[in-house]
């Protein structure tokens, strides 16, 4: 039994980063827009 919100946040972010890496493969990304 383990605290789950940290795991949840990190797996969500890892999924988003994997999607970005796959869909937006530009190595020179310098700007990121964040809403929320």
ModelCIF file with pLDDT and N, C-alpha, C, O atoms, coordinates in Angstrom:
data_MODEL
#
_entry.id   MODEL 
#
_entity.id                         1 
_entity.type                       polymer 
_entity.pdbx_number_of_molecules   1 
#
_entity_poly.entity_id                      1 
_entity_poly.type                           'polypeptide(L)' 
_entity_poly.nstd_linkage                   no 
_entity_poly.nstd_monomer                   no 
_entity_poly.pdbx_seq_one_letter_code       
;(UNK)(UNK)(UNK)(UNK)(UNK)(UNK)(UNK)(UNK)(UNK)(UNK)(UNK)(UNK)(UNK)(UNK)(UNK)(UNK)
(UNK)(UNK)(UNK)(UNK)(UNK)(UNK)(UNK)(UNK)(UNK)(UNK)(UNK)(UNK)(UNK)(UNK)(UNK)(UNK)
(UNK)(UNK)(UNK)(UNK)
;
_entity_poly.pdbx_seq_one_letter_code_can   XXXXXXXXXXXXXXXXXXXXXXXXXXXXXXXXXXXX 
_entity_poly.pdbx_strand_id                 A 
#
loop_
_entity_poly_seq.entity_id 
_entity_poly_seq.num 
_entity_poly_seq.mon_id 
_entity_poly_seq.hetero 
1 1  UNK n 
1 2  UNK n 
1 3  UNK n 
1 4  UNK n 
1 5  UNK n 
1 6  UNK n 
1 7  UNK n 
1 8  UNK n 
1 9  UNK n 
1 10 UNK n 
1 11 UNK n 
1 12 UNK n 
1 13 UNK n 
1 14 UNK n 
1 15 UNK n 
1 16 UNK n 
1 17 UNK n 
1 18 UNK n 
1 19 UNK n 
1 20 UNK n 
1 21 UNK n 
1 22 UNK n 
1 23 UNK n 
1 24 UNK n 
1 25 UNK n 
1 26 UNK n 
1 27 UNK n 
1 28 UNK n 
1 29 UNK n 
1 30 UNK n 
1 31 UNK n 
1 32 UNK n 
1 33 UNK n 
1 34 UNK n 
1 35 UNK n 
1 36 UNK n 
#
_struct_asym.id          A 
_struct_asym.entity_id   1 
#
loop_
_ma_qa_metric.id 
_ma_qa_metric.mode 
_ma_qa_metric.name 
_ma_qa_metric.software_group_id 
_ma_qa_metric.type 
1 global pLDDT . pLDDT 
2 local  pLDDT . pLDDT 
#
_ma_qa_metric_global.metric_id      1 
_ma_qa_metric_global.metric_value   94.64 
_ma_qa_metric_global.model_id       1 
_ma_qa_metric_global.ordinal_id     1 
#
loop_
_ma_qa_metric_local.label_asym_id 
_ma_qa_metric_local.label_comp_id 
_ma_qa_metric_local.label_seq_id 
_ma_qa_metric_local.metric_id 
_ma_qa_metric_local.metric_value 
_ma_qa_metric_local.model_id 
_ma_qa_metric_local.ordinal_id 
A UNK 1  2 98.00 1 1  
A UNK 2  2 98.00 1 2  
A UNK 3  2 98.00 1 3  
A UNK 4  2 98.00 1 4  
A UNK 5  2 97.00 1 5  
A UNK 6  2 98.00 1 6  
A UNK 7  2 98.00 1 7  
A UNK 8  2 97.00 1 8  
A UNK 9  2 97.00 1 9  
A UNK 10 2 98.00 1 10 
A UNK 11 2 98.00 1 11 
A UNK 12 2 98.00 1 12 
A UNK 13 2 98.00 1 13 
A UNK 14 2 98.00 1 14 
A UNK 15 2 98.00 1 15 
A UNK 16 2 98.00 1 16 
A UNK 17 2 98.00 1 17 
A UNK 18 2 98.00 1 18 
A UNK 19 2 97.00 1 19 
A UNK 20 2 97.00 1 20 
A UNK 21 2 95.00 1 21 
A UNK 22 2 94.00 1 22 
A UNK 23 2 93.00 1 23 
A UNK 24 2 91.00 1 24 
A UNK 25 2 79.00 1 25 
A UNK 26 2 75.00 1 26 
A UNK 27 2 71.00 1 27 
A UNK 28 2 79.00 1 28 
A UNK 29 2 93.00 1 29 
A UNK 30 2 95.00 1 30 
A UNK 31 2 97.00 1 31 
A UNK 32 2 98.00 1 32 
A UNK 33 2 98.00 1 33 
A UNK 34 2 98.00 1 34 
A UNK 35 2 98.00 1 35 
A UNK 36 2 98.00 1 36 
#
loop_
_atom_site.group_PDB 
_atom_site.id 
_atom_site.type_symbol 
_atom_site.label_atom_id 
_atom_site.label_alt_id 
_atom_site.label_comp_id 
_atom_site.label_asym_id 
_atom_site.label_entity_id 
_atom_site.label_seq_id 
_atom_site.pdbx_PDB_ins_code 
_atom_site.Cartn_x 
_atom_site.Cartn_y 
_atom_site.Cartn_z 
_atom_site.occupancy 
_atom_site.B_iso_or_equiv 
_atom_site.pdbx_formal_charge 
_atom_site.auth_seq_id 
_atom_site.auth_comp_id 
_atom_site.auth_asym_id 
_atom_site.auth_atom_id 
_atom_site.pdbx_PDB_model_num 
ATOM 1   N N  . UNK A 1 1  ? 0.879  -1.168 0.000   1.00 98.00 ? 1  UNK A N  1 
ATOM 2   C CA . UNK A 1 1  ? 0.000  0.000  0.000   1.00 98.00 ? 1  UNK A CA 1 
ATOM 3   C C  . UNK A 1 1  ? 0.910  1.210  0.000   1.00 98.00 ? 1  UNK A C  1 
ATOM 4   O O  . UNK A 1 1  ? 1.738  1.371  0.897   1.00 98.00 ? 1  UNK A O  1 
ATOM 5   N N  . UNK A 1 2  ? 0.761  2.057  -1.000  1.00 98.00 ? 2  UNK A N  1 
ATOM 6   C CA . UNK A 1 2  ? 1.658  3.209  -1.093  1.00 98.00 ? 2  UNK A CA 1 
ATOM 7   C C  . UNK A 1 2  ? 0.887  4.467  -1.467  1.00 98.00 ? 2  UNK A C  1 
ATOM 8   O O  . UNK A 1 2  ? -0.160 4.409  -2.111  1.00 98.00 ? 2  UNK A O  1 
ATOM 9   N N  . UNK A 1 3  ? 1.429  5.598  -1.049  1.00 98.00 ? 3  UNK A N  1 
ATOM 10  C CA . UNK A 1 3  ? 0.856  6.883  -1.431  1.00 98.00 ? 3  UNK A CA 1 
ATOM 11  C C  . UNK A 1 3  ? 0.842  6.952  -2.958  1.00 98.00 ? 3  UNK A C  1 
ATOM 12  O O  . UNK A 1 3  ? 1.843  6.661  -3.612  1.00 98.00 ? 3  UNK A O  1 
ATOM 13  N N  . UNK A 1 4  ? -0.312 7.343  -3.518  1.00 98.00 ? 4  UNK A N  1 
ATOM 14  C CA . UNK A 1 4  ? -0.472 7.226  -4.956  1.00 98.00 ? 4  UNK A CA 1 
ATOM 15  C C  . UNK A 1 4  ? -0.490 8.507  -5.754  1.00 98.00 ? 4  UNK A C  1 
ATOM 16  O O  . UNK A 1 4  ? -0.392 8.448  -6.979  1.00 98.00 ? 4  UNK A O  1 
ATOM 17  N N  . UNK A 1 5  ? -0.613 9.682  -5.117  1.00 97.00 ? 5  UNK A N  1 
ATOM 18  C CA . UNK A 1 5  ? -0.743 10.905 -5.914  1.00 97.00 ? 5  UNK A CA 1 
ATOM 19  C C  . UNK A 1 5  ? 0.564  11.265 -6.621  1.00 97.00 ? 5  UNK A C  1 
ATOM 20  O O  . UNK A 1 5  ? 0.543  11.808 -7.725  1.00 97.00 ? 5  UNK A O  1 
ATOM 21  N N  . UNK A 1 6  ? 1.695  10.966 -5.992  1.00 98.00 ? 6  UNK A N  1 
ATOM 22  C CA . UNK A 1 6  ? 2.988  11.233 -6.633  1.00 98.00 ? 6  UNK A CA 1 
ATOM 23  C C  . UNK A 1 6  ? 3.170  10.312 -7.827  1.00 98.00 ? 6  UNK A C  1 
ATOM 24  O O  . UNK A 1 6  ? 3.590  10.749 -8.898  1.00 98.00 ? 6  UNK A O  1 
ATOM 25  N N  . UNK A 1 7  ? 2.854  9.035  -7.641  1.00 98.00 ? 7  UNK A N  1 
ATOM 26  C CA . UNK A 1 7  ? 2.918  8.091  -8.755  1.00 98.00 ? 7  UNK A CA 1 
ATOM 27  C C  . UNK A 1 7  ? 1.989  8.541  -9.877  1.00 98.00 ? 7  UNK A C  1 
ATOM 28  O O  . UNK A 1 7  ? 2.363  8.510  -11.050 1.00 98.00 ? 7  UNK A O  1 
ATOM 29  N N  . UNK A 1 8  ? 0.775  8.960  -9.515  1.00 97.00 ? 8  UNK A N  1 
ATOM 30  C CA . UNK A 1 8  ? -0.198 9.397  -10.510 1.00 97.00 ? 8  UNK A CA 1 
ATOM 31  C C  . UNK A 1 8  ? 0.298  10.601 -11.298 1.00 97.00 ? 8  UNK A C  1 
ATOM 32  O O  . UNK A 1 8  ? 0.177  10.642 -12.522 1.00 97.00 ? 8  UNK A O  1 
ATOM 33  N N  . UNK A 1 9  ? 0.856  11.580 -10.595 1.00 97.00 ? 9  UNK A N  1 
ATOM 34  C CA . UNK A 1 9  ? 1.349  12.783 -11.269 1.00 97.00 ? 9  UNK A CA 1 
ATOM 35  C C  . UNK A 1 9  ? 2.513  12.459 -12.191 1.00 97.00 ? 9  UNK A C  1 
ATOM 36  O O  . UNK A 1 9  ? 2.587  12.971 -13.309 1.00 97.00 ? 9  UNK A O  1 
ATOM 37  N N  . UNK A 1 10 ? 3.418  11.613 -11.726 1.00 98.00 ? 10 UNK A N  1 
ATOM 38  C CA . UNK A 1 10 ? 4.607  11.313 -12.530 1.00 98.00 ? 10 UNK A CA 1 
ATOM 39  C C  . UNK A 1 10 ? 4.283  10.412 -13.714 1.00 98.00 ? 10 UNK A C  1 
ATOM 40  O O  . UNK A 1 10 ? 4.869  10.576 -14.784 1.00 98.00 ? 10 UNK A O  1 
ATOM 41  N N  . UNK A 1 11 ? 3.373  9.473  -13.550 1.00 98.00 ? 11 UNK A N  1 
ATOM 42  C CA . UNK A 1 11 ? 3.022  8.646  -14.712 1.00 98.00 ? 11 UNK A CA 1 
ATOM 43  C C  . UNK A 1 11 ? 2.259  9.469  -15.740 1.00 98.00 ? 11 UNK A C  1 
ATOM 44  O O  . UNK A 1 11 ? 2.390  9.235  -16.941 1.00 98.00 ? 11 UNK A O  1 
ATOM 45  N N  . UNK A 1 12 ? 1.453  10.443 -15.274 1.00 98.00 ? 12 UNK A N  1 
ATOM 46  C CA . UNK A 1 12 ? 0.748  11.326 -16.190 1.00 98.00 ? 12 UNK A CA 1 
ATOM 47  C C  . UNK A 1 12 ? 1.738  12.178 -16.975 1.00 98.00 ? 12 UNK A C  1 
ATOM 48  O O  . UNK A 1 12 ? 1.618  12.318 -18.192 1.00 98.00 ? 12 UNK A O  1 
ATOM 49  N N  . UNK A 1 13 ? 2.711  12.742 -16.277 1.00 98.00 ? 13 UNK A N  1 
ATOM 50  C CA . UNK A 1 13 ? 3.718  13.574 -16.938 1.00 98.00 ? 13 UNK A CA 1 
ATOM 51  C C  . UNK A 1 13 ? 4.595  12.748 -17.871 1.00 98.00 ? 13 UNK A C  1 
ATOM 52  O O  . UNK A 1 13 ? 4.958  13.213 -18.952 1.00 98.00 ? 13 UNK A O  1 
ATOM 53  N N  . UNK A 1 14 ? 4.938  11.533 -17.466 1.00 98.00 ? 14 UNK A N  1 
ATOM 54  C CA . UNK A 1 14 ? 5.748  10.662 -18.320 1.00 98.00 ? 14 UNK A CA 1 
ATOM 55  C C  . UNK A 1 14 ? 4.998  10.313 -19.595 1.00 98.00 ? 14 UNK A C  1 
ATOM 56  O O  . UNK A 1 14 ? 5.589  10.272 -20.675 1.00 98.00 ? 14 UNK A O  1 
ATOM 57  N N  . UNK A 1 15 ? 3.689  10.059 -19.476 1.00 98.00 ? 15 UNK A N  1 
ATOM 58  C CA . UNK A 1 15 ? 2.863  9.784  -20.648 1.00 98.00 ? 15 UNK A CA 1 
ATOM 59  C C  . UNK A 1 15 ? 2.825  10.985 -21.583 1.00 98.00 ? 15 UNK A C  1 
ATOM 60  O O  . UNK A 1 15 ? 2.953  10.835 -22.798 1.00 98.00 ? 15 UNK A O  1 
ATOM 61  N N  . UNK A 1 16 ? 2.647  12.180 -21.015 1.00 98.00 ? 16 UNK A N  1 
ATOM 62  C CA . UNK A 1 16 ? 2.617  13.398 -21.832 1.00 98.00 ? 16 UNK A CA 1 
ATOM 63  C C  . UNK A 1 16 ? 3.959  13.619 -22.529 1.00 98.00 ? 16 UNK A C  1 
ATOM 64  O O  . UNK A 1 16 ? 3.992  13.993 -23.701 1.00 98.00 ? 16 UNK A O  1 
ATOM 65  N N  . UNK A 1 17 ? 5.057  13.392 -21.823 1.00 98.00 ? 17 UNK A N  1 
ATOM 66  C CA . UNK A 1 17 ? 6.383  13.581 -22.412 1.00 98.00 ? 17 UNK A CA 1 
ATOM 67  C C  . UNK A 1 17 ? 6.640  12.562 -23.514 1.00 98.00 ? 17 UNK A C  1 
ATOM 68  O O  . UNK A 1 17 ? 7.244  12.890 -24.535 1.00 98.00 ? 17 UNK A O  1 
ATOM 69  N N  . UNK A 1 18 ? 6.183  11.326 -23.313 1.00 98.00 ? 18 UNK A N  1 
ATOM 70  C CA . UNK A 1 18 ? 6.328  10.313 -24.358 1.00 98.00 ? 18 UNK A CA 1 
ATOM 71  C C  . UNK A 1 18 ? 5.533  10.709 -25.601 1.00 98.00 ? 18 UNK A C  1 
ATOM 72  O O  . UNK A 1 18 ? 5.990  10.521 -26.728 1.00 98.00 ? 18 UNK A O  1 
ATOM 73  N N  . UNK A 1 19 ? 4.336  11.260 -25.382 1.00 97.00 ? 19 UNK A N  1 
ATOM 74  C CA . UNK A 1 19 ? 3.535  11.733 -26.519 1.00 97.00 ? 19 UNK A CA 1 
ATOM 75  C C  . UNK A 1 19 ? 4.235  12.885 -27.237 1.00 97.00 ? 19 UNK A C  1 
ATOM 76  O O  . UNK A 1 19 ? 4.277  12.916 -28.466 1.00 97.00 ? 19 UNK A O  1 
ATOM 77  N N  . UNK A 1 20 ? 4.784  13.827 -26.476 1.00 97.00 ? 20 UNK A N  1 
ATOM 78  C CA . UNK A 1 20 ? 5.487  14.948 -27.088 1.00 97.00 ? 20 UNK A CA 1 
ATOM 79  C C  . UNK A 1 20 ? 6.684  14.447 -27.895 1.00 97.00 ? 20 UNK A C  1 
ATOM 80  O O  . UNK A 1 20 ? 6.911  14.893 -29.020 1.00 97.00 ? 20 UNK A O  1 
ATOM 81  N N  . UNK A 1 21 ? 7.437  13.533 -27.324 1.00 95.00 ? 21 UNK A N  1 
ATOM 82  C CA . UNK A 1 21 ? 8.602  12.971 -28.008 1.00 95.00 ? 21 UNK A CA 1 
ATOM 83  C C  . UNK A 1 21 ? 8.198  12.280 -29.310 1.00 95.00 ? 21 UNK A C  1 
ATOM 84  O O  . UNK A 1 21 ? 8.932  12.328 -30.297 1.00 95.00 ? 21 UNK A O  1 
ATOM 85  N N  . UNK A 1 22 ? 7.038  11.642 -29.308 1.00 94.00 ? 22 UNK A N  1 
ATOM 86  C CA . UNK A 1 22 ? 6.579  10.899 -30.477 1.00 94.00 ? 22 UNK A CA 1 
ATOM 87  C C  . UNK A 1 22 ? 5.922  11.786 -31.523 1.00 94.00 ? 22 UNK A C  1 
ATOM 88  O O  . UNK A 1 22 ? 6.072  11.548 -32.721 1.00 94.00 ? 22 UNK A O  1 
ATOM 89  N N  . UNK A 1 23 ? 5.196  12.809 -31.079 1.00 93.00 ? 23 UNK A N  1 
ATOM 90  C CA . UNK A 1 23 ? 4.427  13.654 -31.988 1.00 93.00 ? 23 UNK A CA 1 
ATOM 91  C C  . UNK A 1 23 ? 5.134  14.947 -32.363 1.00 93.00 ? 23 UNK A C  1 
ATOM 92  O O  . UNK A 1 23 ? 4.813  15.566 -33.378 1.00 93.00 ? 23 UNK A O  1 
ATOM 93  N N  . UNK A 1 24 ? 6.088  15.350 -31.552 1.00 91.00 ? 24 UNK A N  1 
ATOM 94  C CA . UNK A 1 24 ? 6.750  16.644 -31.714 1.00 91.00 ? 24 UNK A CA 1 
ATOM 95  C C  . UNK A 1 24 ? 8.265  16.420 -31.600 1.00 91.00 ? 24 UNK A C  1 
ATOM 96  O O  . UNK A 1 24 ? 8.891  16.891 -30.650 1.00 91.00 ? 24 UNK A O  1 
ATOM 97  N N  . UNK A 1 25 ? 8.851  15.706 -32.562 1.00 79.00 ? 25 UNK A N  1 
ATOM 98  C CA . UNK A 1 25 ? 10.231 15.240 -32.414 1.00 79.00 ? 25 UNK A CA 1 
ATOM 99  C C  . UNK A 1 25 ? 11.323 16.278 -32.656 1.00 79.00 ? 25 UNK A C  1 
ATOM 100 O O  . UNK A 1 25 ? 12.480 15.922 -32.879 1.00 79.00 ? 25 UNK A O  1 
ATOM 101 N N  . UNK A 1 26 ? 10.964 17.544 -32.614 1.00 75.00 ? 26 UNK A N  1 
ATOM 102 C CA . UNK A 1 26 ? 11.980 18.581 -32.801 1.00 75.00 ? 26 UNK A CA 1 
ATOM 103 C C  . UNK A 1 26 ? 12.892 18.631 -31.571 1.00 75.00 ? 26 UNK A C  1 
ATOM 104 O O  . UNK A 1 26 ? 12.418 18.838 -30.454 1.00 75.00 ? 26 UNK A O  1 
ATOM 105 N N  . UNK A 1 27 ? 14.179 18.444 -31.776 1.00 71.00 ? 27 UNK A N  1 
ATOM 106 C CA . UNK A 1 27 ? 15.115 18.420 -30.652 1.00 71.00 ? 27 UNK A CA 1 
ATOM 107 C C  . UNK A 1 27 ? 15.384 19.813 -30.091 1.00 71.00 ? 27 UNK A C  1 
ATOM 108 O O  . UNK A 1 27 ? 15.907 19.950 -28.985 1.00 71.00 ? 27 UNK A O  1 
ATOM 109 N N  . UNK A 1 28 ? 15.030 20.841 -30.848 1.00 79.00 ? 28 UNK A N  1 
ATOM 110 C CA . UNK A 1 28 ? 15.395 22.203 -30.449 1.00 79.00 ? 28 UNK A CA 1 
ATOM 111 C C  . UNK A 1 28 ? 14.261 22.954 -29.754 1.00 79.00 ? 28 UNK A C  1 
ATOM 112 O O  . UNK A 1 28 ? 14.275 24.184 -29.738 1.00 79.00 ? 28 UNK A O  1 
ATOM 113 N N  . UNK A 1 29 ? 13.291 22.261 -29.187 1.00 93.00 ? 29 UNK A N  1 
ATOM 114 C CA . UNK A 1 29 ? 12.187 22.939 -28.504 1.00 93.00 ? 29 UNK A CA 1 
ATOM 115 C C  . UNK A 1 29 ? 12.731 23.759 -27.340 1.00 93.00 ? 29 UNK A C  1 
ATOM 116 O O  . UNK A 1 29 ? 13.400 23.223 -26.456 1.00 93.00 ? 29 UNK A O  1 
ATOM 117 N N  . UNK A 1 30 ? 12.449 25.040 -27.343 1.00 95.00 ? 30 UNK A N  1 
ATOM 118 C CA . UNK A 1 30 ? 12.924 25.931 -26.286 1.00 95.00 ? 30 UNK A CA 1 
ATOM 119 C C  . UNK A 1 30 ? 11.784 26.554 -25.488 1.00 95.00 ? 30 UNK A C  1 
ATOM 120 O O  . UNK A 1 30 ? 11.987 27.020 -24.367 1.00 95.00 ? 30 UNK A O  1 
ATOM 121 N N  . UNK A 1 31 ? 10.569 26.559 -26.077 1.00 97.00 ? 31 UNK A N  1 
ATOM 122 C CA . UNK A 1 31 ? 9.424  27.178 -25.423 1.00 97.00 ? 31 UNK A CA 1 
ATOM 123 C C  . UNK A 1 31 ? 8.323  26.149 -25.214 1.00 97.00 ? 31 UNK A C  1 
ATOM 124 O O  . UNK A 1 31 ? 8.088  25.278 -26.051 1.00 97.00 ? 31 UNK A O  1 
ATOM 125 N N  . UNK A 1 32 ? 7.661  26.274 -24.080 1.00 98.00 ? 32 UNK A N  1 
ATOM 126 C CA . UNK A 1 32 ? 6.549  25.400 -23.742 1.00 98.00 ? 32 UNK A CA 1 
ATOM 127 C C  . UNK A 1 32 ? 5.403  26.255 -23.227 1.00 98.00 ? 32 UNK A C  1 
ATOM 128 O O  . UNK A 1 32 ? 5.600  27.126 -22.379 1.00 98.00 ? 32 UNK A O  1 
ATOM 129 N N  . UNK A 1 33 ? 4.210  26.007 -23.739 1.00 98.00 ? 33 UNK A N  1 
ATOM 130 C CA . UNK A 1 33 ? 3.028  26.697 -23.243 1.00 98.00 ? 33 UNK A CA 1 
ATOM 131 C C  . UNK A 1 33 ? 2.303  25.834 -22.227 1.00 98.00 ? 33 UNK A C  1 
ATOM 132 O O  . UNK A 1 33 ? 2.107  24.638 -22.445 1.00 98.00 ? 33 UNK A O  1 
ATOM 133 N N  . UNK A 1 34 ? 1.906  26.438 -21.120 1.00 98.00 ? 34 UNK A N  1 
ATOM 134 C CA . UNK A 1 34 ? 1.236  25.716 -20.045 1.00 98.00 ? 34 UNK A CA 1 
ATOM 135 C C  . UNK A 1 34 ? -0.055 26.429 -19.673 1.00 98.00 ? 34 UNK A C  1 
ATOM 136 O O  . UNK A 1 34 ? -0.035 27.609 -19.322 1.00 98.00 ? 34 UNK A O  1 
ATOM 137 N N  . UNK A 1 35 ? -1.168 25.724 -19.747 1.00 98.00 ? 35 UNK A N  1 
ATOM 138 C CA . UNK A 1 35 ? -2.449 26.273 -19.325 1.00 98.00 ? 35 UNK A CA 1 
ATOM 139 C C  . UNK A 1 35 ? -2.896 25.458 -18.121 1.00 98.00 ? 35 UNK A C  1 
ATOM 140 O O  . UNK A 1 35 ? -3.207 24.272 -18.239 1.00 98.00 ? 35 UNK A O  1 
ATOM 141 N N  . UNK A 1 36 ? -2.924 26.104 -16.972 1.00 98.00 ? 36 UNK A N  1 
ATOM 142 C CA . UNK A 1 36 ? -3.145 25.428 -15.699 1.00 98.00 ? 36 UNK A CA 1 
ATOM 143 C C  . UNK A 1 36 ? -1.840 25.339 -14.939 1.00 98.00 ? 36 UNK A C  1 
ATOM 144 O O  . UNK A 1 36 ? -1.806 24.801 -13.832 1.00 98.00 ? 36 UNK A O  1 
#
